[in-house]
Amino acid sequence: MTPEQAAALTEFPELQRLIDLRDAGWMFLPTVVDGELVQVHGVRTWPEGWADALRVRYTTDAAGLRNDHTGGITWQREGTLTEIIDGLIALPAPSNRLAPRLVIARGPLPRSA
């Protein structure tokens, strides 16, 4: 761990949760505007086209969702970083009979060329 990373963890201990997700196979993409990090998106893909996603703007401003292979959102929450990560971790795998399956919303459709 670099000194910069250690300092960030000291100031924002919640960041350890993002490190835990990364170590569990999540991929992250930062959004930088004018040289400043403004948000981070994370995604974990599942077999058969399911995906869990995370958006973090600040430790108190995060959102998470799960979508099926058609883009239907089956789980969605907004809250603190810790609340959202806890919710995502608690979700059963999509193949589990207890996993949410009812589509409650639709995600944006991919743009066509």
Protein backbone atom coordinates (compact mmCIF):
# COMPACT_ATOMS: atom_id res chain seq x y z
CA MET A 1 0.00 0.00 0.00
CA THR A 2 1.35 3.40 -0.95
CA PRO A 3 1.58 6.24 1.58
CA GLU A 4 -1.18 8.05 -0.34
CA GLN A 5 -3.48 5.02 -0.09
CA ALA A 6 -2.74 4.64 3.63
CA ALA A 7 -3.53 8.32 4.19
CA ALA A 8 -6.81 7.97 2.28
CA LEU A 9 -7.80 4.95 4.40
CA THR A 10 -6.97 6.85 7.56
CA GLU A 11 -9.17 9.76 6.51
CA PHE A 12 -11.94 7.60 5.01
CA PRO A 13 -11.95 4.12 6.61
CA GLU A 14 -15.02 3.25 4.52
CA LEU A 15 -12.70 2.94 1.52
CA GLN A 16 -11.59 -0.42 2.90
CA ARG A 17 -15.00 -1.73 1.82
CA LEU A 18 -14.19 -0.81 -1.81
CA ILE A 19 -10.85 -2.59 -1.49
CA ASP A 20 -12.69 -5.66 -0.20
CA LEU A 21 -15.03 -5.56 -3.21
CA ARG A 22 -12.08 -5.19 -5.59
CA ASP A 23 -10.42 -8.20 -3.98
CA ALA A 24 -13.70 -10.14 -4.49
CA GLY A 25 -13.62 -9.52 -8.24
CA TRP A 26 -15.36 -6.18 -8.66
CA MET A 27 -14.00 -3.82 -11.33
CA PHE A 28 -13.94 -0.05 -10.80
CA LEU A 29 -13.86 2.96 -13.09
CA PRO A 30 -13.17 6.42 -11.66
CA THR A 31 -14.78 9.54 -13.13
CA VAL A 32 -12.36 12.48 -13.09
CA VAL A 33 -13.43 16.02 -13.99
CA ASP A 34 -10.83 18.80 -14.22
CA GLY A 35 -8.31 16.56 -12.46
CA GLU A 36 -10.63 15.83 -9.53
CA LEU A 37 -12.21 12.48 -8.72
CA VAL A 38 -15.97 13.09 -8.67
CA GLN A 39 -17.34 9.54 -8.51
CA VAL A 40 -16.45 5.89 -8.85
CA HIS A 41 -18.49 3.22 -10.63
CA GLY A 42 -18.07 -0.45 -9.80
CA VAL A 43 -19.46 -3.58 -11.41
CA ARG A 44 -19.50 -7.30 -10.73
CA THR A 45 -20.77 -9.56 -13.46
CA TRP A 46 -22.53 -12.86 -12.88
CA PRO A 47 -23.14 -15.79 -15.23
CA GLU A 48 -26.11 -15.54 -17.58
CA GLY A 49 -25.82 -11.76 -17.97
CA TRP A 50 -26.66 -10.54 -14.46
CA ALA A 51 -24.65 -7.66 -12.97
CA ASP A 52 -24.35 -5.77 -9.70
CA ALA A 53 -23.35 -2.11 -9.92
CA LEU A 54 -22.22 0.55 -7.49
CA ARG A 55 -21.91 4.34 -7.80
CA VAL A 56 -20.05 6.30 -5.13
CA ARG A 57 -19.87 10.08 -4.99
CA TYR A 58 -18.96 10.35 -1.31
CA THR A 59 -19.13 8.16 1.78
CA THR A 60 -22.63 9.53 2.39
CA ASP A 61 -23.78 9.42 -1.26
CA ALA A 62 -23.82 5.99 -2.89
CA ALA A 63 -26.19 3.85 -4.93
CA GLY A 64 -26.30 0.20 -5.90
CA LEU A 65 -28.36 -1.99 -8.17
CA ARG A 66 -28.67 -5.43 -9.69
CA ASN A 67 -29.89 -5.94 -13.21
CA ASP A 68 -30.83 -9.02 -15.19
CA HIS A 69 -29.65 -9.97 -18.67
CA THR A 70 -32.32 -7.77 -20.31
CA GLY A 71 -31.34 -4.63 -18.38
CA GLY A 72 -34.22 -4.94 -15.93
CA ILE A 73 -33.36 -3.67 -12.47
CA THR A 74 -34.30 -6.20 -9.78
CA TRP A 75 -32.75 -4.47 -6.75
CA GLN A 76 -31.86 -0.82 -6.16
CA ARG A 77 -30.83 1.24 -3.14
CA GLU A 78 -29.40 4.66 -2.30
CA GLY A 79 -27.63 5.57 0.93
CA THR A 80 -24.22 5.67 2.51
CA LEU A 81 -21.30 3.75 1.08
CA THR A 82 -21.44 1.28 3.97
CA GLU A 83 -25.21 0.74 3.64
CA ILE A 84 -25.00 0.08 -0.09
CA ILE A 85 -22.04 -2.27 0.12
CA ASP A 86 -23.73 -4.17 2.97
CA GLY A 87 -26.85 -4.47 0.79
CA LEU A 88 -24.91 -5.70 -2.22
CA ILE A 89 -22.99 -8.24 -0.15
CA ALA A 90 -26.24 -9.51 1.41
CA LEU A 91 -27.85 -10.13 -1.99
CA PRO A 92 -28.04 -13.82 -2.82
CA ALA A 93 -26.37 -14.87 -6.07
CA PRO A 94 -28.77 -14.50 -9.02
CA SER A 95 -28.95 -18.30 -9.32
CA ASN A 96 -30.18 -18.58 -5.72
CA ARG A 97 -33.94 -19.11 -5.42
CA LEU A 98 -34.11 -16.27 -2.86
CA ALA A 99 -32.48 -13.69 -5.16
CA PRO A 100 -34.67 -10.79 -6.30
CA ARG A 101 -36.16 -11.45 -9.77
CA LEU A 102 -39.07 -9.04 -10.14
CA VAL A 103 -38.09 -6.21 -12.50
CA ILE A 104 -38.82 -2.94 -10.68
CA ALA A 105 -37.33 -0.57 -13.29
CA ARG A 106 -35.46 -0.51 -16.58
CA GLY A 107 -31.89 0.64 -17.03
CA PRO A 108 -30.81 2.78 -19.96
CA LEU A 109 -30.52 0.94 -23.25
CA PRO A 110 -27.09 0.73 -24.88
CA ARG A 111 -26.55 3.21 -27.68
CA SER A 112 -26.43 1.78 -31.16
CA ALA A 113 -23.83 2.94 -33.66
